[in-house]
PDB file of all heavy atoms in Angstrom:
ATOM      1  N   ILE A   1       0.837  -1.206   0.002  1.00  0.00           N
ATOM      2  CA  ILE A   1       0.002   0.001   0.006  1.00  0.00           C
ATOM      3  C   ILE A   1       0.875   1.260   0.001  1.00  0.00           C
ATOM      4  O   ILE A   1       0.601   2.214  -0.734  1.00  0.00           O
ATOM      5  CB  ILE A   1      -0.974  -0.026   1.202  1.00  0.00           C
ATOM      6  CG1 ILE A   1      -2.054  -1.082   0.925  1.00  0.00           C
ATOM      7  CG2 ILE A   1      -1.607   1.349   1.453  1.00  0.00           C
ATOM      8  CD1 ILE A   1      -2.822  -1.528   2.127  1.00  0.00           C
ATOM      9  N   PHE A   2       1.932   1.236   0.808  1.00  0.00           N
ATOM     10  CA  PHE A   2       2.839   2.402   0.879  1.00  0.00           C
ATOM     11  C   PHE A   2       3.554   2.629  -0.446  1.00  0.00           C
ATOM     12  O   PHE A   2       3.962   3.732  -0.761  1.00  0.00           O
ATOM     13  CB  PHE A   2       3.858   2.151   2.014  1.00  0.00           C
ATOM     14  CG  PHE A   2       4.537   3.408   2.528  1.00  0.00           C
ATOM     15  CD1 PHE A   2       4.218   4.673   2.050  1.00  0.00           C
ATOM     16  CD2 PHE A   2       5.518   3.309   3.504  1.00  0.00           C
ATOM     17  CE1 PHE A   2       4.863   5.819   2.533  1.00  0.00           C
ATOM     18  CE2 PHE A   2       6.180   4.446   3.996  1.00  0.00           C
ATOM     19  CZ  PHE A   2       5.841   5.703   3.501  1.00  0.00           C
ATOM     20  N   SER A   3       3.679   1.561  -1.263  1.00  0.00           N
ATOM     21  CA  SER A   3       4.366   1.687  -2.567  1.00  0.00           C
ATOM     22  C   SER A   3       3.549   2.499  -3.570  1.00  0.00           C
ATOM     23  O   SER A   3       4.095   2.931  -4.589  1.00  0.00           O
ATOM     24  CB  SER A   3       4.624   0.295  -3.166  1.00  0.00           C
ATOM     25  OG  SER A   3       5.466  -0.439  -2.330  1.00  0.00           O
ATOM     26  N   ARG A   4       2.254   2.692  -3.306  1.00  0.00           N
ATOM     27  CA  ARG A   4       1.420   3.477  -4.237  1.00  0.00           C
ATOM     28  C   ARG A   4       1.961   4.918  -4.284  1.00  0.00           C
ATOM     29  O   ARG A   4       2.254   5.520  -3.258  1.00  0.00           O
ATOM     30  CB  ARG A   4      -0.035   3.490  -3.767  1.00  0.00           C
ATOM     31  CG  ARG A   4      -0.700   2.118  -3.784  1.00  0.00           C
ATOM     32  CD  ARG A   4      -2.167   2.228  -3.452  1.00  0.00           C
ATOM     33  NE  ARG A   4      -2.821   0.917  -3.374  1.00  0.00           N
ATOM     34  CZ  ARG A   4      -4.141   0.753  -3.279  1.00  0.00           C
ATOM     35  NH1 ARG A   4      -4.951   1.817  -3.258  1.00  0.00           N
ATOM     36  NH2 ARG A   4      -4.660  -0.461  -3.204  1.00  0.00           N
ATOM     37  N   PRO A   5       2.055   5.497  -5.507  1.00  0.00           N
ATOM     38  CA  PRO A   5       2.719   6.800  -5.683  1.00  0.00           C
ATOM     39  C   PRO A   5       2.125   7.948  -4.874  1.00  0.00           C
ATOM     40  O   PRO A   5       2.832   8.822  -4.421  1.00  0.00           O
ATOM     41  CB  PRO A   5       2.621   7.087  -7.175  1.00  0.00           C
ATOM     42  CG  PRO A   5       1.827   5.994  -7.778  1.00  0.00           C
ATOM     43  CD  PRO A   5       1.648   4.902  -6.780  1.00  0.00           C
ATOM     44  N   ASN A   6       0.788   7.950  -4.679  1.00  0.00           N
ATOM     45  CA  ASN A   6       0.176   9.107  -4.015  1.00  0.00           C
ATOM     46  C   ASN A   6       0.004   8.922  -2.510  1.00  0.00           C
ATOM     47  O   ASN A   6      -0.596   9.758  -1.832  1.00  0.00           O
ATOM     48  CB  ASN A   6      -1.169   9.466  -4.665  1.00  0.00           C
ATOM     49  CG  ASN A   6      -2.124   8.279  -4.638  1.00  0.00           C
ATOM     50  OD1 ASN A   6      -1.712   7.132  -4.502  1.00  0.00           O
ATOM     51  ND2 ASN A   6      -3.419   8.566  -4.764  1.00  0.00           N
ATOM     52  N   ILE A   7       0.492   7.816  -1.958  1.00  0.00           N
ATOM     53  CA  ILE A   7       0.370   7.562  -0.519  1.00  0.00           C
ATOM     54  C   ILE A   7       1.673   7.985   0.179  1.00  0.00           C
ATOM     55  O   ILE A   7       2.758   7.524  -0.183  1.00  0.00           O
ATOM     56  CB  ILE A   7       0.070   6.070  -0.226  1.00  0.00           C
ATOM     57  CG1 ILE A   7      -1.223   5.644  -0.930  1.00  0.00           C
ATOM     58  CG2 ILE A   7      -0.026   5.797   1.275  1.00  0.00           C
ATOM     59  CD1 ILE A   7      -2.466   6.417  -0.534  1.00  0.00           C
ATOM     60  N   THR A   8       1.553   8.884   1.132  1.00  0.00           N
ATOM     61  CA  THR A   8       2.728   9.463   1.784  1.00  0.00           C
ATOM     62  C   THR A   8       2.947   8.900   3.204  1.00  0.00           C
ATOM     63  O   THR A   8       2.075   8.187   3.717  1.00  0.00           O
ATOM     64  CB  THR A   8       2.573  10.983   1.918  1.00  0.00           C
ATOM     65  OG1 THR A   8       1.468  11.245   2.814  1.00  0.00           O
ATOM     66  CG2 THR A   8       2.303  11.659   0.570  1.00  0.00           C
ATOM     67  N   THR A   9       4.048   9.253   3.804  1.00  0.00           N
ATOM     68  CA  THR A   9       4.311   8.865   5.200  1.00  0.00           C
ATOM     69  C   THR A   9       3.204   9.376   6.114  1.00  0.00           C
ATOM     70  O   THR A   9       2.754   8.662   7.008  1.00  0.00           O
ATOM     71  CB  THR A   9       5.670   9.450   5.658  1.00  0.00           C
ATOM     72  OG1 THR A   9       6.690   8.936   4.814  1.00  0.00           O
ATOM     73  CG2 THR A   9       5.983   9.059   7.089  1.00  0.00           C
ATOM     74  N   GLU A  10       2.749  10.621   5.868  1.00  0.00           N
ATOM     75  CA  GLU A  10       1.692  11.213   6.685  1.00  0.00           C
ATOM     76  C   GLU A  10       0.425  10.346   6.625  1.00  0.00           C
ATOM     77  O   GLU A  10      -0.251  10.145   7.634  1.00  0.00           O
ATOM     78  CB  GLU A  10       1.359  12.647   6.235  1.00  0.00           C
ATOM     79  CG  GLU A  10       2.337  13.715   6.684  1.00  0.00           C
ATOM     80  CD  GLU A  10       3.744  13.534   6.103  1.00  0.00           C
ATOM     81  OE1 GLU A  10       3.844  13.196   4.907  1.00  0.00           O
ATOM     82  OE2 GLU A  10       4.721  13.672   6.872  1.00  0.00           O
ATOM     83  N   ASP A  11       0.105   9.821   5.440  1.00  0.00           N
ATOM     84  CA  ASP A  11      -1.049   8.947   5.298  1.00  0.00           C
ATOM     85  C   ASP A  11      -0.861   7.673   6.112  1.00  0.00           C
ATOM     86  O   ASP A  11      -1.761   7.239   6.829  1.00  0.00           O
ATOM     87  CB  ASP A  11      -1.301   8.575   3.817  1.00  0.00           C
ATOM     88  CG  ASP A  11      -1.574   9.800   2.964  1.00  0.00           C
ATOM     89  OD1 ASP A  11      -2.277  10.712   3.454  1.00  0.00           O
ATOM     90  OD2 ASP A  11      -1.103   9.831   1.815  1.00  0.00           O
ATOM     91  N   MET A  12       0.303   7.059   5.986  1.00  0.00           N
ATOM     92  CA  MET A  12       0.560   5.791   6.666  1.00  0.00           C
ATOM     93  C   MET A  12       0.593   5.946   8.182  1.00  0.00           C
ATOM     94  O   MET A  12       0.262   5.018   8.918  1.00  0.00           O
ATOM     95  CB  MET A  12       1.868   5.162   6.175  1.00  0.00           C
ATOM     96  CG  MET A  12       1.876   4.736   4.709  1.00  0.00           C
ATOM     97  SD  MET A  12       0.503   3.666   4.239  1.00  0.00           S
ATOM     98  CE  MET A  12       0.860   2.162   5.126  1.00  0.00           C
ATOM     99  N   ARG A  13       0.967   7.124   8.654  1.00  0.00           N
ATOM    100  CA  ARG A  13       1.025   7.361  10.106  1.00  0.00           C
ATOM    101  C   ARG A  13      -0.377   7.398  10.739  1.00  0.00           C
ATOM    102  O   ARG A  13      -0.504   7.338  11.951  1.00  0.00           O
ATOM    103  CB  ARG A  13       1.787   8.658  10.396  1.00  0.00           C
ATOM    104  CG  ARG A  13       3.285   8.526  10.186  1.00  0.00           C
ATOM    105  CD  ARG A  13       4.058   9.758  10.536  1.00  0.00           C
ATOM    106  NE  ARG A  13       4.336   9.826  11.958  1.00  0.00           N
ATOM    107  CZ  ARG A  13       5.345  10.523  12.486  1.00  0.00           C
ATOM    108  NH1 ARG A  13       6.190  11.181  11.688  1.00  0.00           N
ATOM    109  NH2 ARG A  13       5.511  10.562  13.783  1.00  0.00           N
ATOM    110  N   LYS A  14      -1.396   7.499   9.880  1.00  0.00           N
ATOM    111  CA  LYS A  14      -2.774   7.453  10.413  1.00  0.00           C
ATOM    112  C   LYS A  14      -3.172   6.036  10.803  1.00  0.00           C
ATOM    113  O   LYS A  14      -4.180   5.826  11.475  1.00  0.00           O
ATOM    114  CB  LYS A  14      -3.754   8.014   9.355  1.00  0.00           C
ATOM    115  CG  LYS A  14      -3.585   9.525   9.136  1.00  0.00           C
ATOM    116  CD  LYS A  14      -4.387   9.998   7.938  1.00  0.00           C
ATOM    117  CE  LYS A  14      -4.049  11.459   7.611  1.00  0.00           C
ATOM    118  NZ  LYS A  14      -4.554  11.859   6.288  1.00  0.00           N
ATOM    119  N   VAL A  15      -2.366   5.055  10.344  1.00  0.00           N
ATOM    120  CA  VAL A  15      -2.584   3.675  10.767  1.00  0.00           C
ATOM    121  C   VAL A  15      -1.947   3.518  12.146  1.00  0.00           C
ATOM    122  O   VAL A  15      -0.756   3.805  12.314  1.00  0.00           O
ATOM    123  CB  VAL A  15      -1.950   2.683   9.763  1.00  0.00           C
ATOM    124  CG1 VAL A  15      -2.099   1.241  10.228  1.00  0.00           C
ATOM    125  CG2 VAL A  15      -2.550   2.876   8.371  1.00  0.00           C
ATOM    126  N   ALA A  16      -2.729   3.096  13.127  1.00  0.00           N
ATOM    127  CA  ALA A  16      -2.276   3.077  14.528  1.00  0.00           C
ATOM    128  C   ALA A  16      -0.965   2.328  14.725  1.00  0.00           C
ATOM    129  O   ALA A  16      -0.053   2.791  15.427  1.00  0.00           O
ATOM    130  CB  ALA A  16      -3.361   2.460  15.413  1.00  0.00           C
ATOM    131  N   SER A  17      -0.812   1.153  14.070  1.00  0.00           N
ATOM    132  CA  SER A  17       0.403   0.339  14.286  1.00  0.00           C
ATOM    133  C   SER A  17       1.669   1.047  13.777  1.00  0.00           C
ATOM    134  O   SER A  17       2.759   0.861  14.333  1.00  0.00           O
ATOM    135  CB  SER A  17       0.253  -1.032  13.622  1.00  0.00           C
ATOM    136  OG  SER A  17       0.043  -0.866  12.235  1.00  0.00           O
ATOM    137  N   VAL A  18       1.530   1.849  12.698  1.00  0.00           N
ATOM    138  CA  VAL A  18       2.680   2.586  12.154  1.00  0.00           C
ATOM    139  C   VAL A  18       3.128   3.657  13.130  1.00  0.00           C
ATOM    140  O   VAL A  18       4.314   3.766  13.483  1.00  0.00           O
ATOM    141  CB  VAL A  18       2.355   3.214  10.771  1.00  0.00           C
ATOM    142  CG1 VAL A  18       3.519   4.077  10.278  1.00  0.00           C
ATOM    143  CG2 VAL A  18       2.022   2.128   9.758  1.00  0.00           C
ATOM    144  N   GLU A  19       2.174   4.448  13.616  1.00  0.00           N
ATOM    145  CA  GLU A  19       2.527   5.519  14.572  1.00  0.00           C
ATOM    146  C   GLU A  19       3.087   4.918  15.864  1.00  0.00           C
ATOM    147  O   GLU A  19       4.046   5.456  16.423  1.00  0.00           O
ATOM    148  CB  GLU A  19       1.288   6.386  14.849  1.00  0.00           C
ATOM    149  CG  GLU A  19       1.549   7.636  15.661  1.00  0.00           C
ATOM    150  CD  GLU A  19       2.583   8.588  15.036  1.00  0.00           C
ATOM    151  OE1 GLU A  19       2.696   8.642  13.779  1.00  0.00           O
ATOM    152  OE2 GLU A  19       3.288   9.266  15.801  1.00  0.00           O
ATOM    153  N   ASP A  20       2.519   3.798  16.292  1.00  0.00           N
ATOM    154  CA  ASP A  20       3.036   3.129  17.511  1.00  0.00           C
ATOM    155  C   ASP A  20       4.494   2.705  17.313  1.00  0.00           C
ATOM    156  O   ASP A  20       5.314   2.857  18.218  1.00  0.00           O
ATOM    157  CB  ASP A  20       2.184   1.875  17.846  1.00  0.00           C
ATOM    158  CG  ASP A  20       0.813   2.254  18.376  1.00  0.00           C
ATOM    159  OD1 ASP A  20       0.612   3.456  18.719  1.00  0.00           O
ATOM    160  OD2 ASP A  20      -0.074   1.368  18.431  1.00  0.00           O
ATOM    161  N   TYR A  21       4.785   2.170  16.119  1.00  0.00           N
ATOM    162  CA  TYR A  21       6.159   1.701  15.830  1.00  0.00           C
ATOM    163  C   TYR A  21       7.136   2.891  15.869  1.00  0.00           C
ATOM    164  O   TYR A  21       8.200   2.815  16.480  1.00  0.00           O
ATOM    165  CB  TYR A  21       6.210   1.034  14.438  1.00  0.00           C
ATOM    166  CG  TYR A  21       7.571   0.398  14.158  1.00  0.00           C
ATOM    167  CD1 TYR A  21       7.783  -0.966  14.340  1.00  0.00           C
ATOM    168  CD2 TYR A  21       8.638   1.168  13.682  1.00  0.00           C
ATOM    169  CE1 TYR A  21       9.023  -1.538  14.084  1.00  0.00           C
ATOM    170  CE2 TYR A  21       9.891   0.613  13.438  1.00  0.00           C
ATOM    171  CZ  TYR A  21      10.069  -0.751  13.645  1.00  0.00           C
ATOM    172  OH  TYR A  21      11.302  -1.311  13.399  1.00  0.00           O
ATOM    173  N   ILE A  22       6.733   4.004  15.227  1.00  0.00           N
ATOM    174  CA  ILE A  22       7.597   5.193  15.177  1.00  0.00           C
ATOM    175  C   ILE A  22       7.877   5.709  16.599  1.00  0.00           C
ATOM    176  O   ILE A  22       9.021   5.995  16.954  1.00  0.00           O
ATOM    177  CB  ILE A  22       6.954   6.306  14.306  1.00  0.00           C
ATOM    178  CG1 ILE A  22       6.998   5.888  12.825  1.00  0.00           C
ATOM    179  CG2 ILE A  22       7.656   7.654  14.510  1.00  0.00           C
ATOM    180  CD1 ILE A  22       6.196   6.768  11.881  1.00  0.00           C
ATOM    181  N   GLN A  23       6.837   5.782  17.414  1.00  0.00           N
ATOM    182  CA  GLN A  23       6.997   6.315  18.780  1.00  0.00           C
ATOM    183  C   GLN A  23       7.798   5.363  19.666  1.00  0.00           C
ATOM    184  O   GLN A  23       8.714   5.776  20.372  1.00  0.00           O
ATOM    185  CB  GLN A  23       5.624   6.581  19.414  1.00  0.00           C
ATOM    186  CG  GLN A  23       4.790   7.658  18.713  1.00  0.00           C
ATOM    187  CD  GLN A  23       5.505   8.995  18.567  1.00  0.00           C
ATOM    188  OE1 GLN A  23       6.318   9.392  19.403  1.00  0.00           O
ATOM    189  NE2 GLN A  23       5.220   9.701  17.475  1.00  0.00           N
ATOM    190  N   SER A  24       7.490   4.072  19.578  1.00  0.00           N
ATOM    191  CA  SER A  24       8.164   3.120  20.476  1.00  0.00           C
ATOM    192  C   SER A  24       9.632   2.923  20.111  1.00  0.00           C
ATOM    193  O   SER A  24      10.454   2.594  20.969  1.00  0.00           O
ATOM    194  CB  SER A  24       7.441   1.769  20.450  1.00  0.00           C
ATOM    195  OG  SER A  24       7.459   1.210  19.151  1.00  0.00           O
ATOM    196  N   HIS A  25       9.976   3.118  18.825  1.00  0.00           N
ATOM    197  CA  HIS A  25      11.384   2.976  18.406  1.00  0.00           C
ATOM    198  C   HIS A  25      12.084   4.330  18.310  1.00  0.00           C
ATOM    199  O   HIS A  25      13.244   4.389  17.872  1.00  0.00           O
ATOM    200  CB  HIS A  25      11.458   2.237  17.062  1.00  0.00           C
ATOM    201  CG  HIS A  25      11.104   0.792  17.151  1.00  0.00           C
ATOM    202  ND1 HIS A  25       9.778   0.366  17.175  1.00  0.00           N
ATOM    203  CD2 HIS A  25      11.864  -0.325  17.267  1.00  0.00           C
ATOM    204  CE1 HIS A  25       9.769  -0.951  17.266  1.00  0.00           C
ATOM    205  NE2 HIS A  25      11.007  -1.400  17.322  1.00  0.00           N
ATOM    206  N   ASN A  26      11.359   5.400  18.673  1.00  0.00           N
ATOM    207  CA  ASN A  26      11.946   6.745  18.709  1.00  0.00           C
ATOM    208  C   ASN A  26      12.633   7.102  17.378  1.00  0.00           C
ATOM    209  O   ASN A  26      13.788   7.534  17.351  1.00  0.00           O
ATOM    210  CB  ASN A  26      12.945   6.837  19.872  1.00  0.00           C
ATOM    211  CG  ASN A  26      13.265   8.278  20.241  1.00  0.00           C
ATOM    212  OD1 ASN A  26      12.499   9.189  19.931  1.00  0.00           O
ATOM    213  ND2 ASN A  26      14.407   8.491  20.871  1.00  0.00           N
ATOM    214  N   LEU A  27      11.917   6.896  16.269  1.00  0.00           N
ATOM    215  CA  LEU A  27      12.494   7.150  14.932  1.00  0.00           C
ATOM    216  C   LEU A  27      12.484   8.631  14.604  1.00  0.00           C
ATOM    217  O   LEU A  27      11.479   9.324  14.843  1.00  0.00           O
ATOM    218  CB  LEU A  27      11.718   6.390  13.855  1.00  0.00           C
ATOM    219  CG  LEU A  27      11.635   4.868  13.993  1.00  0.00           C
ATOM    220  CD1 LEU A  27      10.974   4.267  12.761  1.00  0.00           C
ATOM    221  CD2 LEU A  27      13.006   4.233  14.211  1.00  0.00           C
ATOM    222  N   ASP A  28      13.608   9.145  14.064  1.00  0.00           N
ATOM    223  CA  ASP A  28      13.649  10.560  13.656  1.00  0.00           C
ATOM    224  C   ASP A  28      13.274  10.689  12.184  1.00  0.00           C
ATOM    225  O   ASP A  28      13.104   9.686  11.466  1.00  0.00           O
ATOM    226  CB  ASP A  28      15.013  11.187  13.971  1.00  0.00           C
ATOM    227  CG  ASP A  28      16.164  10.557  13.187  1.00  0.00           C
ATOM    228  OD1 ASP A  28      15.894   9.948  12.124  1.00  0.00           O
ATOM    229  OD2 ASP A  28      17.315  10.694  13.605  1.00  0.00           O
ATOM    230  N   ASN A  29      13.160  11.933  11.716  1.00  0.00           N
ATOM    231  CA  ASN A  29      12.691  12.182  10.349  1.00  0.00           C
ATOM    232  C   ASN A  29      13.616  11.586   9.278  1.00  0.00           C
ATOM    233  O   ASN A  29      13.156  11.152   8.230  1.00  0.00           O
ATOM    234  CB  ASN A  29      12.544  13.700  10.107  1.00  0.00           C
ATOM    235  CG  ASN A  29      11.323  14.230  10.828  1.00  0.00           C
ATOM    236  OD1 ASN A  29      10.384  13.488  11.117  1.00  0.00           O
ATOM    237  ND2 ASN A  29      11.320  15.515  11.170  1.00  0.00           N
ATOM    238  N   GLU A  30      14.932  11.584   9.548  1.00  0.00           N
ATOM    239  CA  GLU A  30      15.896  11.026   8.563  1.00  0.00           C
ATOM    240  C   GLU A  30      15.617   9.555   8.332  1.00  0.00           C
ATOM    241  O   GLU A  30      15.667   9.070   7.201  1.00  0.00           O
ATOM    242  CB  GLU A  30      17.337  11.217   9.050  1.00  0.00           C
ATOM    243  CG  GLU A  30      17.969  12.532   8.623  1.00  0.00           C
ATOM    244  CD  GLU A  30      19.474  12.562   8.889  1.00  0.00           C
ATOM    245  OE1 GLU A  30      20.183  11.660   8.417  1.00  0.00           O
ATOM    246  OE2 GLU A  30      19.934  13.497   9.559  1.00  0.00           O
ATOM    247  N   VAL A  31      15.355   8.811   9.408  1.00  0.00           N
ATOM    248  CA  VAL A  31      15.104   7.370   9.312  1.00  0.00           C
ATOM    249  C   VAL A  31      13.774   7.126   8.598  1.00  0.00           C
ATOM    250  O   VAL A  31      13.676   6.274   7.700  1.00  0.00           O
ATOM    251  CB  VAL A  31      15.096   6.730  10.718  1.00  0.00           C
ATOM    252  CG1 VAL A  31      14.615   5.277  10.648  1.00  0.00           C
ATOM    253  CG2 VAL A  31      16.475   6.813  11.339  1.00  0.00           C
ATOM    254  N   ILE A  32      12.742   7.893   8.948  1.00  0.00           N
ATOM    255  CA  ILE A  32      11.418   7.732   8.350  1.00  0.00           C
ATOM    256  C   ILE A  32      11.484   8.032   6.839  1.00  0.00           C
ATOM    257  O   ILE A  32      10.942   7.275   6.015  1.00  0.00           O
ATOM    258  CB  ILE A  32      10.384   8.662   9.054  1.00  0.00           C
ATOM    259  CG1 ILE A  32      10.229   8.246  10.523  1.00  0.00           C
ATOM    260  CG2 ILE A  32       9.042   8.640   8.332  1.00  0.00           C
ATOM    261  CD1 ILE A  32       9.516   9.267  11.406  1.00  0.00           C
ATOM    262  N   GLU A  33      12.180   9.115   6.479  1.00  0.00           N
ATOM    263  CA  GLU A  33      12.330   9.479   5.056  1.00  0.00           C
ATOM    264  C   GLU A  33      13.088   8.402   4.310  1.00  0.00           C
ATOM    265  O   GLU A  33      12.738   8.043   3.182  1.00  0.00           O
ATOM    266  CB  GLU A  33      13.048  10.824   4.956  1.00  0.00           C
ATOM    267  CG  GLU A  33      13.245  11.310   3.529  1.00  0.00           C
ATOM    268  CD  GLU A  33      14.041  12.608   3.463  1.00  0.00           C
ATOM    269  OE1 GLU A  33      15.295  12.544   3.416  1.00  0.00           O
ATOM    270  OE2 GLU A  33      13.421  13.682   3.463  1.00  0.00           O
ATOM    271  N   GLN A  34      14.135   7.874   4.933  1.00  0.00           N
ATOM    272  CA  GLN A  34      14.970   6.840   4.303  1.00  0.00           C
ATOM    273  C   GLN A  34      14.125   5.602   3.992  1.00  0.00           C
ATOM    274  O   GLN A  34      14.207   5.041   2.895  1.00  0.00           O
ATOM    275  CB  GLN A  34      16.130   6.481   5.246  1.00  0.00           C
ATOM    276  CG  GLN A  34      17.180   5.606   4.641  1.00  0.00           C
ATOM    277  CD  GLN A  34      17.782   6.198   3.396  1.00  0.00           C
ATOM    278  OE1 GLN A  34      17.796   5.532   2.360  1.00  0.00           O
ATOM    279  NE2 GLN A  34      18.246   7.437   3.448  1.00  0.00           N
ATOM    280  N   ALA A  35      13.278   5.192   4.960  1.00  0.00           N
ATOM    281  CA  ALA A  35      12.428   4.020   4.775  1.00  0.00           C
ATOM    282  C   ALA A  35      11.436   4.248   3.619  1.00  0.00           C
ATOM    283  O   ALA A  35      11.224   3.370   2.779  1.00  0.00           O
ATOM    284  CB  ALA A  35      11.693   3.704   6.051  1.00  0.00           C
ATOM    285  N   GLU A  36      10.868   5.458   3.573  1.00  0.00           N
ATOM    286  CA  GLU A  36       9.894   5.778   2.507  1.00  0.00           C
ATOM    287  C   GLU A  36      10.547   5.680   1.138  1.00  0.00           C
ATOM    288  O   GLU A  36       9.972   5.096   0.193  1.00  0.00           O
ATOM    289  CB  GLU A  36       9.338   7.193   2.721  1.00  0.00           C
ATOM    290  CG  GLU A  36       8.316   7.576   1.631  1.00  0.00           C
ATOM    291  CD  GLU A  36       7.634   8.909   1.853  1.00  0.00           C
ATOM    292  OE1 GLU A  36       8.058   9.677   2.751  1.00  0.00           O
ATOM    293  OE2 GLU A  36       6.696   9.213   1.102  1.00  0.00           O
ATOM    294  N   ILE A  37      11.778   6.212   1.004  1.00  0.00           N
ATOM    295  CA  ILE A  37      12.492   6.166  -0.278  1.00  0.00           C
ATOM    296  C   ILE A  37      12.760   4.706  -0.672  1.00  0.00           C
ATOM    297  O   ILE A  37      12.568   4.313  -1.814  1.00  0.00           O
ATOM    298  CB  ILE A  37      13.796   6.999  -0.215  1.00  0.00           C
ATOM    299  CG1 ILE A  37      13.475   8.495  -0.122  1.00  0.00           C
ATOM    300  CG2 ILE A  37      14.696   6.714  -1.418  1.00  0.00           C
ATOM    301  CD1 ILE A  37      14.644   9.369   0.280  1.00  0.00           C
ATOM    302  N   GLN A  38      13.231   3.898   0.302  1.00  0.00           N
ATOM    303  CA  GLN A  38      13.548   2.490   0.020  1.00  0.00           C
ATOM    304  C   GLN A  38      12.307   1.715  -0.426  1.00  0.00           C
ATOM    305  O   GLN A  38      12.395   0.804  -1.251  1.00  0.00           O
ATOM    306  CB  GLN A  38      14.173   1.825   1.254  1.00  0.00           C
ATOM    307  CG  GLN A  38      15.536   2.359   1.651  1.00  0.00           C
ATOM    308  CD  GLN A  38      16.609   2.169   0.593  1.00  0.00           C
ATOM    309  OE1 GLN A  38      16.542   1.262  -0.235  1.00  0.00           O
ATOM    310  NE2 GLN A  38      17.606   3.061   0.589  1.00  0.00           N
ATOM    311  N   ILE A  39      11.154   2.067   0.127  1.00  0.00           N
ATOM    312  CA  ILE A  39       9.911   1.361  -0.227  1.00  0.00           C
ATOM    313  C   ILE A  39       9.413   1.819  -1.606  1.00  0.00           C
ATOM    314  O   ILE A  39       9.112   1.023  -2.481  1.00  0.00           O
ATOM    315  CB  ILE A  39       8.829   1.572   0.854  1.00  0.00           C
ATOM    316  CG1 ILE A  39       9.253   0.837   2.140  1.00  0.00           C
ATOM    317  CG2 ILE A  39       7.453   1.112   0.362  1.00  0.00           C
ATOM    318  CD1 ILE A  39       8.441   1.199   3.371  1.00  0.00           C
ATOM    319  N   LYS A  40       9.336   3.136  -1.793  1.00  0.00           N
ATOM    320  CA  LYS A  40       8.725   3.675  -3.018  1.00  0.00           C
ATOM    321  C   LYS A  40       9.598   3.494  -4.259  1.00  0.00           C
ATOM    322  O   LYS A  40       9.105   3.398  -5.367  1.00  0.00           O
ATOM    323  CB  LYS A  40       8.402   5.158  -2.836  1.00  0.00           C
ATOM    324  CG  LYS A  40       7.207   5.386  -1.921  1.00  0.00           C
ATOM    325  CD  LYS A  40       6.691   6.793  -2.070  1.00  0.00           C
ATOM    326  CE  LYS A  40       5.386   7.018  -1.321  1.00  0.00           C
ATOM    327  NZ  LYS A  40       4.300   6.173  -1.775  1.00  0.00           N
TER     328      LYS A  40
END
């Protein structure tokens, strides 16, 4: 789903498990952006 061109990190963060993962692993913006690029 994240691979779809018009779906952004902000969209995926609305999914509870994604936001929980980001908060519990204390991910910063560089890591989040890096993951998005690797997926898309």
